[in-house]
Protein backbone atom coordinates (compact mmCIF):
# COMPACT_ATOMS: atom_id res chain seq x y z
CA MET A 1 -26.95 -3.21 43.66
CA ALA A 2 -26.05 -7.03 43.41
CA SER A 3 -28.38 -9.37 42.45
CA THR A 4 -27.22 -12.18 44.64
CA THR A 5 -28.27 -10.91 48.12
CA PRO A 6 -29.98 -13.05 50.73
CA ALA A 7 -33.37 -10.77 49.93
CA ALA A 8 -32.73 -10.97 46.14
CA GLU A 9 -32.27 -15.00 46.48
CA GLU A 10 -35.52 -15.20 48.89
CA PHE A 11 -37.57 -13.09 46.97
CA ALA A 12 -36.90 -14.94 43.75
CA ARG A 13 -37.65 -18.14 45.72
CA LEU A 14 -41.24 -16.76 46.74
CA VAL A 15 -41.91 -15.97 43.28
CA GLU A 16 -41.02 -19.07 41.86
CA LEU A 17 -42.95 -21.04 44.66
CA VAL A 18 -46.17 -18.80 43.71
CA ARG A 19 -45.77 -19.76 40.24
CA VAL A 20 -45.95 -23.42 40.82
CA LEU A 21 -48.84 -22.98 43.28
CA ARG A 22 -50.82 -21.36 40.53
CA ALA A 23 -49.77 -23.65 37.80
CA PRO A 24 -51.43 -26.98 36.73
CA GLY A 25 -51.01 -29.44 38.85
CA GLY A 26 -50.47 -26.74 42.08
CA CYS A 27 -52.62 -26.17 44.68
CA PRO A 28 -56.17 -25.96 43.98
CA TRP A 29 -57.08 -23.20 46.44
CA ASP A 30 -54.18 -21.00 45.34
CA ARG A 31 -55.19 -21.79 41.44
CA GLU A 32 -58.91 -20.67 42.05
CA GLN A 33 -57.71 -17.31 43.55
CA THR A 34 -58.62 -13.95 41.74
CA LEU A 35 -57.95 -10.32 42.39
CA GLN A 36 -61.47 -9.96 43.84
CA THR A 37 -61.34 -13.02 46.21
CA LEU A 38 -57.75 -12.19 47.37
CA ARG A 39 -59.08 -8.76 48.92
CA PRO A 40 -59.92 -9.42 52.22
CA PHE A 41 -56.58 -11.38 52.81
CA VAL A 42 -54.55 -8.46 51.87
CA LEU A 43 -56.88 -6.52 54.26
CA GLU A 44 -56.15 -9.31 56.89
CA GLU A 45 -52.58 -9.28 56.38
CA ALA A 46 -52.26 -5.22 56.53
CA TYR A 47 -54.09 -5.31 59.76
CA GLU A 48 -51.96 -8.44 61.40
CA VAL A 49 -48.66 -6.15 60.31
CA LEU A 50 -50.30 -3.15 62.29
CA GLU A 51 -51.01 -5.38 65.27
CA ALA A 52 -47.48 -6.45 65.15
CA LEU A 53 -46.40 -2.77 65.07
CA ASP A 54 -48.55 -1.65 68.10
CA HIS A 55 -47.41 -4.64 70.32
CA ASP A 56 -43.66 -3.74 69.17
CA ASP A 57 -43.28 -7.57 68.38
CA ARG A 58 -40.30 -7.86 66.05
CA ALA A 59 -40.85 -11.76 65.60
CA ALA A 60 -44.09 -11.19 64.71
CA LEU A 61 -43.75 -8.25 62.54
CA ARG A 62 -41.10 -10.91 60.71
CA GLU A 63 -43.49 -13.18 59.94
CA GLU A 64 -46.51 -10.77 59.07
CA LEU A 65 -44.36 -9.10 56.58
CA GLY A 66 -43.78 -12.27 54.90
CA ASP A 67 -47.54 -13.15 54.84
CA PHE A 68 -48.06 -9.59 53.36
CA VAL A 69 -45.17 -9.88 50.85
CA PHE A 70 -46.74 -13.04 49.56
CA GLU A 71 -49.99 -11.36 48.92
CA ALA A 72 -48.30 -8.92 47.07
CA VAL A 73 -46.57 -11.39 45.18
CA LEU A 74 -49.86 -13.68 44.43
CA LEU A 75 -51.73 -10.80 43.18
CA ALA A 76 -48.80 -10.00 40.73
CA GLN A 77 -49.00 -13.69 39.52
CA VAL A 78 -52.62 -13.36 38.78
CA CYS A 79 -51.94 -10.43 36.63
CA THR A 80 -49.25 -11.90 35.02
CA GLU A 81 -51.28 -14.86 33.74
CA HIS A 82 -53.41 -12.41 32.33
CA GLY A 83 -50.74 -10.95 30.38
CA ASP A 84 -50.94 -7.54 32.07
CA PHE A 85 -47.71 -7.23 34.32
CA THR A 86 -45.44 -9.05 36.56
CA ILE A 87 -43.91 -8.61 39.85
CA ALA A 88 -40.67 -7.49 38.26
CA ASP A 89 -42.79 -4.34 36.70
CA SER A 90 -44.29 -3.50 39.98
CA LEU A 91 -40.83 -3.64 41.84
CA ARG A 92 -39.06 -1.59 38.72
CA SER A 93 -42.38 0.86 38.86
CA ILE A 94 -41.49 1.50 42.75
CA SER A 95 -37.69 1.94 42.57
CA ASP A 96 -37.95 4.32 39.56
CA LYS A 97 -40.61 6.58 41.57
CA LEU A 98 -38.37 6.26 44.75
CA VAL A 99 -35.41 7.59 42.52
CA ARG A 100 -37.74 10.21 40.84
CA ARG A 101 -39.47 11.70 43.91
CA HIS A 102 -35.88 12.08 45.80
CA PRO A 103 -33.75 14.20 43.51
CA HIS A 104 -32.26 15.57 46.99
CA VAL A 105 -30.74 11.80 47.44
CA PHE A 106 -30.56 10.27 43.91
CA GLY A 107 -30.34 13.70 41.61
CA PRO A 108 -30.26 15.15 39.40
CA ALA A 109 -30.66 18.38 41.86
CA GLU A 110 -33.02 21.20 41.18
CA PRO A 111 -30.92 24.16 40.68
CA ALA A 112 -33.84 26.51 41.20
CA ARG A 113 -34.77 24.99 44.48
CA PRO A 114 -32.48 24.39 47.75
CA LYS A 115 -32.10 21.01 48.88
CA PRO A 116 -34.84 20.13 51.24
CA THR A 117 -32.81 19.27 54.86
CA THR A 118 -36.33 18.39 57.17
CA PRO A 119 -39.10 15.97 56.90
CA SER A 120 -41.57 18.27 56.49
CA GLU A 121 -39.64 19.74 53.21
CA VAL A 122 -39.28 16.48 52.02
CA LEU A 123 -42.92 15.89 52.02
CA GLU A 124 -43.97 19.00 50.34
CA ARG A 125 -41.04 18.38 47.42
CA TRP A 126 -42.57 14.79 47.26
CA GLU A 127 -46.14 16.01 46.89
CA ASP A 128 -44.64 18.76 44.41
CA LEU A 129 -43.30 16.37 42.03
CA LYS A 130 -46.19 13.89 42.55
CA ALA A 131 -48.54 16.92 41.10
CA ARG A 132 -46.12 17.28 38.35
CA GLU A 133 -46.63 13.87 36.86
CA LYS A 134 -49.10 12.25 34.81
CA SER A 135 -51.24 9.45 36.33
CA SER A 136 -51.83 6.00 34.57
CA SER A 137 -54.50 7.56 32.57
CA GLY A 138 -52.74 10.55 31.45
CA LYS A 139 -54.28 12.97 33.22
CA PRO A 140 -52.56 15.40 35.66
CA ARG A 141 -52.49 14.08 38.99
CA THR A 142 -54.36 16.03 41.77
CA THR A 143 -53.13 16.77 45.40
CA LEU A 144 -56.09 14.09 46.94
CA GLY A 145 -56.68 12.19 43.76
CA GLY A 146 -54.29 9.46 45.09
CA VAL A 147 -56.11 8.89 48.30
CA PRO A 148 -57.50 5.57 48.24
CA PRO A 149 -61.44 6.15 48.84
CA THR A 150 -61.33 2.47 49.86
CA LEU A 151 -59.09 3.49 53.04
CA PRO A 152 -60.90 3.29 56.41
CA SER A 153 -62.80 6.53 56.79
CA LEU A 154 -60.63 7.69 59.89
CA LEU A 155 -57.40 6.85 58.33
CA ARG A 156 -58.45 8.57 54.88
CA ALA A 157 -59.37 11.77 56.83
CA HIS A 158 -55.83 11.71 58.27
CA GLU A 159 -54.08 10.86 54.84
CA ILE A 160 -56.16 13.84 52.92
CA GLY A 161 -54.93 16.25 55.98
CA MET A 162 -51.50 15.34 55.55
CA ARG A 163 -51.54 15.66 51.82
CA ALA A 164 -53.16 18.92 52.01
CA ALA A 165 -50.68 20.09 54.87
CA ALA A 166 -47.66 18.96 52.63
CA VAL A 167 -48.79 21.71 49.99
CA GLY A 168 -49.45 24.36 52.86
CA PHE A 169 -53.16 23.87 53.45
CA ASP A 170 -53.40 23.54 57.29
CA TRP A 171 -53.85 25.21 60.46
CA GLU A 172 -50.68 26.84 61.98
CA ARG A 173 -50.81 25.17 65.51
CA ALA A 174 -52.67 22.30 67.00
CA VAL A 175 -54.61 24.29 69.34
CA ASP A 176 -56.08 25.72 66.30
CA VAL A 177 -57.46 22.52 65.63
CA VAL A 178 -58.85 22.29 69.09
CA ALA A 179 -60.91 25.44 68.51
CA LYS A 180 -62.06 23.91 65.62
CA ILE A 181 -63.32 20.66 67.08
CA GLU A 182 -64.96 22.73 69.93
CA GLU A 183 -66.89 24.86 66.87
CA GLU A 184 -68.43 21.51 65.38
CA THR A 185 -69.07 19.99 68.77
CA VAL A 186 -71.43 23.34 69.08
CA GLU A 187 -72.95 22.57 65.92
CA LEU A 188 -73.69 18.98 66.65
CA ARG A 189 -75.05 19.70 69.82
CA GLU A 190 -77.21 22.19 68.50
CA THR A 191 -78.39 19.72 65.58
CA VAL A 192 -79.19 17.10 68.08
CA GLU A 193 -80.87 19.34 70.55
CA SER A 194 -83.15 20.31 67.75
CA GLY A 195 -84.10 16.82 67.00
CA ALA A 196 -81.62 14.45 65.68
CA VAL A 197 -84.15 12.11 64.24
CA ALA A 198 -85.73 15.00 62.11
CA ASN A 199 -82.11 16.22 61.45
CA ARG A 200 -80.54 12.81 60.72
CA ALA A 201 -78.89 13.98 57.51
CA ARG A 202 -77.82 17.10 59.31
CA ALA A 203 -76.64 15.40 62.51
CA GLU A 204 -74.53 13.06 60.17
CA GLU A 205 -73.03 15.93 58.21
CA GLU A 206 -72.00 17.58 61.70
CA MET A 207 -70.66 14.11 63.09
CA GLY A 208 -68.52 13.86 59.87
CA ASP A 209 -67.20 17.36 60.22
CA LEU A 210 -66.26 16.64 63.62
CA LEU A 211 -64.56 13.30 62.87
CA PHE A 212 -62.94 14.80 60.25
CA ALA A 213 -61.28 17.69 62.50
CA ILE A 214 -60.83 15.17 65.21
CA ALA A 215 -58.43 13.23 62.72
CA ASN A 216 -56.51 16.20 61.80
CA LEU A 217 -55.86 17.08 65.41
CA SER A 218 -54.47 13.57 65.74
CA ARG A 219 -52.11 14.53 62.77
CA LYS A 220 -51.00 17.79 64.42
CA LEU A 221 -49.97 16.06 67.20
CA GLY A 222 -48.13 13.12 65.01
CA ILE A 223 -50.58 10.29 66.57
CA GLU A 224 -51.57 8.08 63.79
CA PRO A 225 -55.74 7.88 64.55
CA GLU A 226 -56.27 4.31 63.59
CA ALA A 227 -53.59 3.44 66.23
CA ALA A 228 -54.99 5.61 68.78
CA LEU A 229 -58.60 4.73 68.29
CA ARG A 230 -57.38 0.83 68.49
CA LEU A 231 -55.93 1.45 71.57
CA ALA A 232 -59.12 3.05 72.93
CA ASN A 233 -61.09 0.11 71.67
CA GLU A 234 -58.77 -2.41 73.31
CA LYS A 235 -58.89 -0.43 76.77
CA PHE A 236 -62.68 -0.23 76.75
CA THR A 237 -62.93 -4.11 75.98
CA ARG A 238 -60.48 -4.88 78.95
CA ARG A 239 -62.31 -2.50 81.43
CA PHE A 240 -65.78 -3.50 80.21
CA THR A 241 -64.70 -7.63 80.37
CA ALA A 242 -63.39 -7.09 83.63
CA MET A 243 -66.54 -5.44 84.79
CA GLU A 244 -68.89 -8.21 83.22
CA THR A 245 -66.85 -10.67 84.85
CA ALA A 246 -66.91 -9.22 88.38
CA ILE A 247 -70.74 -8.86 88.00
CA ARG A 248 -71.18 -12.16 86.90
CA GLN A 249 -69.07 -13.49 90.03
CA ARG A 250 -71.81 -11.92 92.10
CA GLY A 251 -74.58 -14.11 90.64
CA GLN A 252 -75.86 -11.35 88.13
CA ALA A 253 -76.27 -10.90 84.67
CA LEU A 254 -75.37 -7.56 82.91
CA SER A 255 -78.85 -7.18 81.65
CA ASP A 256 -80.15 -7.36 84.95
CA CYS A 257 -77.91 -5.33 86.37
CA PRO A 258 -78.88 -1.63 86.98
CA LEU A 259 -76.71 0.78 85.48
CA GLN A 260 -75.51 2.66 88.75
CA ASP A 261 -73.93 -0.66 89.68
CA MET A 262 -72.35 -0.92 86.29
CA GLU A 263 -70.88 2.47 86.54
CA ASP A 264 -69.91 1.66 90.27
CA GLU A 265 -68.03 -1.20 89.18
CA TRP A 266 -66.47 0.58 86.16
CA ALA A 267 -64.90 3.11 88.35
CA ARG A 268 -63.66 0.37 90.53
CA VAL A 269 -61.93 -1.48 87.42
CA LYS A 270 -60.65 1.97 86.28
CA ALA A 271 -58.90 2.71 90.10
CA SER A 272 -57.36 -0.77 89.80
CA GLU A 273 -55.37 0.07 86.73
CA ARG A 274 -54.35 3.02 88.61
CA GLU A 275 -54.14 4.89 85.13
CA PRO A 276 -52.31 8.52 85.51
CA LEU A 277 -55.16 9.57 82.84
CA PRO A 278 -59.07 8.86 82.81
C-alpha cells in the first residue's frame, strides 16, 4: 500500500507532534505523563467514543476517534523514550496479526479446512488460530487468557461468553439461557429469604451467577450489555429527574414525599413518554 495517503501523512504528523510535545522545551503537562497517569485518559476517551456510537453522532465520532488515537500515540511515545518499542512496532504487530489470522483473505489457505463463509465460522477460526500462537511470555495461549481483567465486569462477562462460544462451548438457543437465568433467580431468592446478611458471601456468588447468565443472554440476542445498561441508566435518570422536577414544582422535597406519591408521579412520567414497552 502507498505510504503517501492522506491517512499516512496525518498519522505521521500526529506522531511528530507528540514527539515534540514530549521533547525538552515541549509541553510541561505532556512531558510529565507516564504510562500510569495516562490510564484514566485512555478509559475516558474510550467511553467518549462509545457515547458517540450510542448517539450515532458521526461528527463527534470523528473527533473522539482522533482523541483516542492520540492517547495510543502518546503511550507509544513514552515507551519509545524508554527504549521499549515505537508506534511503528505496534502498527506492524496488528497488521501482521490481521494477516496471520485471516488466511481465508490474505492466504495461504489451509488445505485441510474449508474456507469460512459466515461470521461465526470466521470467529471460530480466529480463536483456533489464536490458541495455536504463543503469548509474549512464550507460553501457549488459552481461550480466555487474553480477556483483560480490567474490563468492566459486565463487558468482560460478555467477552468471556463470546470466546467460549467461539470454540463451541455455548447454549444452543437463547431460550436456554432464559431458563438458566430463571434457575439462578430461584437460587438467589432462596439465599435472600434465608437471610442475605448472614449469607452475604453466598448472596454475592448467586448474584454474580445471575449477572453472568444475563450477560450471556445479551450475547445470544446480539445485544452488547454495556450499551443496553447505559440506555437503561439514561432512561431511569430521565424519568427520575422528571419525577423530581414535578414534585418540586408542587413545593415538596423528595425526602419529604411519601413513596406512593413518588410512584404515582413516576407512572405519570412513564405514561407521558408513550413508550410501547414498560
